[in-house]
Amino acid sequence: PYPYIPLKKLLKIPTDTNTGVVTFLGRLEKRKGVLDLARAIPHVLKKYPGARFSFVGAAEPSPDAGKDMRQYLEHRLRRVANAITFTGPVPFKSIPDVLSDTDVCVFPSIWENFPCVCLEAMSAGRGIVASNRGGMTDMLDSGRVGRLVPPGNPKEIAAAVIELLGNPALRSRLGQAARDRLLSAYNADAVSTLQIESYQR
């Protein structure tokens, strides 16, 4: 891992929010799993019709050469458009405001390394649904502080989101555990110790 120093505003966000908002943070592209999330959204809305979904990030190319990914997703989700918001990219200083209005963050990447968006969500004490490929498995302690799902599986994404939306106490407990893990495992002292041990080996 690399060291991460969270913004103080992220650490001050209460874990027991109840906004009904599910947020994706990151580039809108296929590798980030946004197509699978789009397929999961109708399943979640059947269970929780009042839920809202926010896509925060810049749009990359889509499977349709005539549309960018935002336009493509807007078309795919047109039947539930009243539950969907696309903000485009936001300044870094606005991330705490985005996360304070969020109950559940979803990062369903097909491929991933060690994404800062997951660290930010952990700092904010959010309920997190993430892909079990790449660094997020380590970040979320093999699912002990969040929910891990296989990539390319909209039904499992939906089931994990439904679980966290429907259980605020669980969501708050996992959010606090994620924040605690972030502060203990990814601070500069902890990571530098690991790095020095690696050099010594």
Protein backbone atom coordinates (compact mmCIF):
# COMPACT_ATOMS: atom_id res chain seq x y z
CA PRO A 1 0.00 0.00 0.00
CA TYR A 2 0.94 3.65 -0.12
CA PRO A 3 0.34 6.10 2.72
CA TYR A 4 -2.88 8.09 2.74
CA ILE A 5 -3.61 11.20 4.81
CA PRO A 6 -7.38 11.83 4.89
CA LEU A 7 -8.95 15.24 4.88
CA LYS A 8 -10.22 16.22 8.32
CA LYS A 9 -13.63 16.98 6.77
CA LEU A 10 -13.92 13.34 5.71
CA LEU A 11 -13.19 12.08 9.21
CA LYS A 12 -15.87 14.37 10.67
CA ILE A 13 -18.70 12.90 8.56
CA PRO A 14 -21.04 10.89 10.84
CA THR A 15 -21.29 7.21 10.00
CA ASP A 16 -25.04 7.06 10.70
CA THR A 17 -26.28 9.10 7.74
CA ASN A 18 -29.59 8.14 6.15
CA THR A 19 -29.74 9.89 2.78
CA GLY A 20 -30.73 6.96 0.57
CA VAL A 21 -28.00 7.96 -1.91
CA VAL A 22 -25.73 5.42 -3.61
CA THR A 23 -22.63 7.00 -5.17
CA PHE A 24 -20.11 5.93 -7.78
CA LEU A 25 -16.89 7.97 -7.77
CA GLY A 26 -14.44 7.68 -10.63
CA ARG A 27 -14.09 7.82 -14.37
CA LEU A 28 -17.18 6.60 -16.20
CA GLU A 29 -15.58 3.80 -18.17
CA LYS A 30 -16.05 0.08 -18.73
CA ARG A 31 -13.06 -0.98 -16.57
CA LYS A 32 -14.62 0.76 -13.57
CA GLY A 33 -17.70 -1.47 -13.79
CA VAL A 34 -20.24 1.27 -14.52
CA LEU A 35 -22.09 -0.91 -17.04
CA ASP A 36 -22.60 -3.58 -14.38
CA LEU A 37 -23.73 -0.95 -11.88
CA ALA A 38 -26.24 0.36 -14.42
CA ARG A 39 -27.67 -3.15 -14.76
CA ALA A 40 -27.88 -3.45 -10.97
CA ILE A 41 -29.78 -0.19 -10.42
CA PRO A 42 -33.25 -1.41 -11.51
CA HIS A 43 -32.96 -4.37 -9.09
CA VAL A 44 -32.18 -2.01 -6.22
CA LEU A 45 -35.04 0.33 -7.15
CA LYS A 46 -37.51 -2.56 -7.08
CA LYS A 47 -36.66 -3.04 -3.40
CA TYR A 48 -36.07 0.63 -2.54
CA PRO A 49 -37.90 2.87 -5.02
CA GLY A 50 -36.82 5.97 -3.10
CA ALA A 51 -33.11 5.31 -3.54
CA ARG A 52 -31.07 7.72 -5.63
CA PHE A 53 -27.89 7.04 -7.58
CA SER A 54 -25.14 9.55 -8.20
CA PHE A 55 -22.38 9.13 -10.79
CA VAL A 56 -19.48 11.46 -10.01
CA GLY A 57 -16.68 11.62 -12.57
CA ALA A 58 -15.67 12.39 -16.12
CA ALA A 59 -17.20 10.42 -18.98
CA GLU A 60 -14.92 8.25 -21.11
CA PRO A 61 -15.84 6.51 -24.41
CA SER A 62 -18.75 4.06 -24.34
CA PRO A 63 -19.59 0.90 -26.31
CA ASP A 64 -21.52 3.19 -28.69
CA ALA A 65 -19.06 5.23 -30.77
CA GLY A 66 -21.65 7.99 -31.07
CA LYS A 67 -22.01 8.55 -27.31
CA ASP A 68 -19.72 9.11 -24.36
CA MET A 69 -20.34 6.94 -21.31
CA ARG A 70 -22.61 9.46 -19.60
CA GLN A 71 -24.84 9.70 -22.67
CA TYR A 72 -24.79 5.93 -23.02
CA LEU A 73 -25.80 5.37 -19.39
CA GLU A 74 -28.47 8.05 -19.55
CA HIS A 75 -30.00 6.17 -22.47
CA ARG A 76 -29.70 2.79 -20.74
CA LEU A 77 -31.25 4.16 -17.55
CA ARG A 78 -33.88 6.41 -19.14
CA ARG A 79 -36.75 4.47 -17.53
CA VAL A 80 -35.41 5.32 -14.06
CA ALA A 81 -33.96 8.72 -14.96
CA ASN A 82 -35.66 10.42 -11.99
CA ALA A 83 -33.45 8.35 -9.65
CA ILE A 84 -30.15 9.09 -11.42
CA THR A 85 -27.80 12.07 -11.20
CA PHE A 86 -24.64 12.69 -13.22
CA THR A 87 -22.48 15.43 -11.76
CA GLY A 88 -19.50 15.21 -14.05
CA PRO A 89 -16.08 15.69 -12.44
CA VAL A 90 -15.98 17.66 -9.18
CA PRO A 91 -13.07 19.48 -7.47
CA PHE A 92 -11.16 17.50 -4.87
CA LYS A 93 -12.31 19.92 -2.16
CA SER A 94 -15.93 18.94 -2.93
CA ILE A 95 -15.44 15.22 -2.24
CA PRO A 96 -16.38 15.54 1.48
CA ASP A 97 -19.67 17.19 0.49
CA VAL A 98 -20.39 14.41 -2.01
CA LEU A 99 -19.66 11.71 0.56
CA SER A 100 -21.59 13.37 3.37
CA ASP A 101 -24.68 13.08 1.14
CA THR A 102 -23.97 9.40 0.47
CA ASP A 103 -24.98 6.26 2.35
CA VAL A 104 -23.34 3.65 0.12
CA CYS A 105 -20.36 3.91 -2.24
CA VAL A 106 -20.07 1.40 -5.07
CA PHE A 107 -16.79 0.60 -6.83
CA PRO A 108 -17.56 -2.44 -9.02
CA SER A 109 -14.34 -2.33 -11.06
CA ILE A 110 -13.51 -5.10 -13.53
CA TRP A 111 -9.83 -4.25 -12.98
CA GLU A 112 -8.35 -2.08 -10.27
CA ASN A 113 -5.09 -1.27 -8.45
CA PHE A 114 -5.21 0.69 -5.15
CA PRO A 115 -7.83 3.38 -5.79
CA CYS A 116 -7.94 6.59 -3.76
CA VAL A 117 -11.74 6.77 -4.10
CA CYS A 118 -12.07 3.72 -1.86
CA LEU A 119 -9.69 5.25 0.70
CA GLU A 120 -11.77 8.44 0.63
CA ALA A 121 -14.97 6.47 1.19
CA MET A 122 -13.33 4.62 4.09
CA SER A 123 -12.23 7.94 5.61
CA ALA A 124 -15.82 9.15 5.38
CA GLY A 125 -17.14 6.04 7.12
CA ARG A 126 -19.38 5.04 4.24
CA GLY A 127 -20.90 1.66 3.57
CA ILE A 128 -18.82 0.32 0.67
CA VAL A 129 -19.55 -2.23 -2.04
CA ALA A 130 -16.43 -2.99 -4.05
CA SER A 131 -14.98 -5.46 -6.50
CA ASN A 132 -13.01 -8.33 -5.03
CA ARG A 133 -10.29 -7.88 -7.63
CA GLY A 134 -7.23 -5.76 -6.99
CA GLY A 135 -6.36 -3.60 -4.01
CA MET A 136 -9.85 -3.11 -2.65
CA THR A 137 -9.85 -6.67 -1.26
CA ASP A 138 -6.92 -5.64 0.94
CA MET A 139 -8.40 -2.22 1.74
CA LEU A 140 -11.66 -3.74 2.94
CA ASP A 141 -9.85 -6.47 4.87
CA SER A 142 -11.25 -9.32 2.76
CA GLY A 143 -14.79 -8.04 3.32
CA ARG A 144 -14.61 -7.43 7.07
CA VAL A 145 -15.16 -3.66 6.72
CA GLY A 146 -17.26 -3.57 3.55
CA ARG A 147 -18.93 -5.79 1.01
CA LEU A 148 -16.91 -7.43 -1.77
CA VAL A 149 -18.53 -8.68 -4.97
CA PRO A 150 -17.15 -10.41 -8.07
CA PRO A 151 -16.78 -8.12 -11.07
CA GLY A 152 -19.31 -8.41 -13.85
CA ASN A 153 -22.14 -9.53 -11.58
CA PRO A 154 -24.98 -6.96 -11.41
CA LYS A 155 -27.18 -9.18 -9.23
CA GLU A 156 -24.53 -9.45 -6.53
CA ILE A 157 -23.85 -5.73 -6.73
CA ALA A 158 -27.57 -5.10 -6.26
CA ALA A 159 -27.83 -7.57 -3.37
CA ALA A 160 -24.95 -5.92 -1.51
CA VAL A 161 -26.35 -2.42 -2.04
CA ILE A 162 -29.80 -3.56 -0.92
CA GLU A 163 -28.29 -5.10 2.22
CA LEU A 164 -26.52 -1.88 3.19
CA LEU A 165 -29.43 0.42 2.32
CA GLY A 166 -31.78 -1.71 4.38
CA ASN A 167 -29.60 -2.03 7.47
CA PRO A 168 -28.40 1.38 8.73
CA ALA A 169 -26.87 -0.12 11.87
CA LEU A 170 -24.75 -2.55 9.83
CA ARG A 171 -23.82 0.23 7.42
CA SER A 172 -22.69 2.46 10.29
CA ARG A 173 -20.73 -0.34 11.95
CA LEU A 174 -18.93 -1.23 8.73
CA GLY A 175 -18.31 2.44 8.00
CA GLN A 176 -16.67 2.98 11.39
CA ALA A 177 -14.63 -0.19 10.96
CA ALA A 178 -13.48 0.97 7.53
CA ARG A 179 -12.47 4.35 8.92
CA ASP A 180 -10.57 2.70 11.79
CA ARG A 181 -8.76 0.42 9.36
CA LEU A 182 -7.85 3.34 7.13
CA LEU A 183 -6.34 5.23 10.06
CA SER A 184 -4.40 2.25 11.43
CA ALA A 185 -3.25 0.47 8.26
CA TYR A 186 -2.55 3.25 5.80
CA ASN A 187 -0.97 6.02 7.86
CA ALA A 188 2.57 7.08 6.98
CA ASP A 189 4.24 5.28 9.90
CA ALA A 190 2.56 1.95 9.19
CA VAL A 191 3.29 2.03 5.48
CA SER A 192 6.89 3.22 5.88
CA THR A 193 7.51 0.32 8.28
CA LEU A 194 6.23 -2.12 5.66
CA GLN A 195 8.39 -0.46 3.01
CA ILE A 196 11.54 -0.64 5.12
CA GLU A 197 10.87 -4.31 5.90
CA SER A 198 10.46 -4.93 2.17
CA TYR A 199 13.82 -3.30 1.42
CA GLN A 200 15.48 -5.34 4.17
CA ARG A 201 14.12 -8.60 2.74
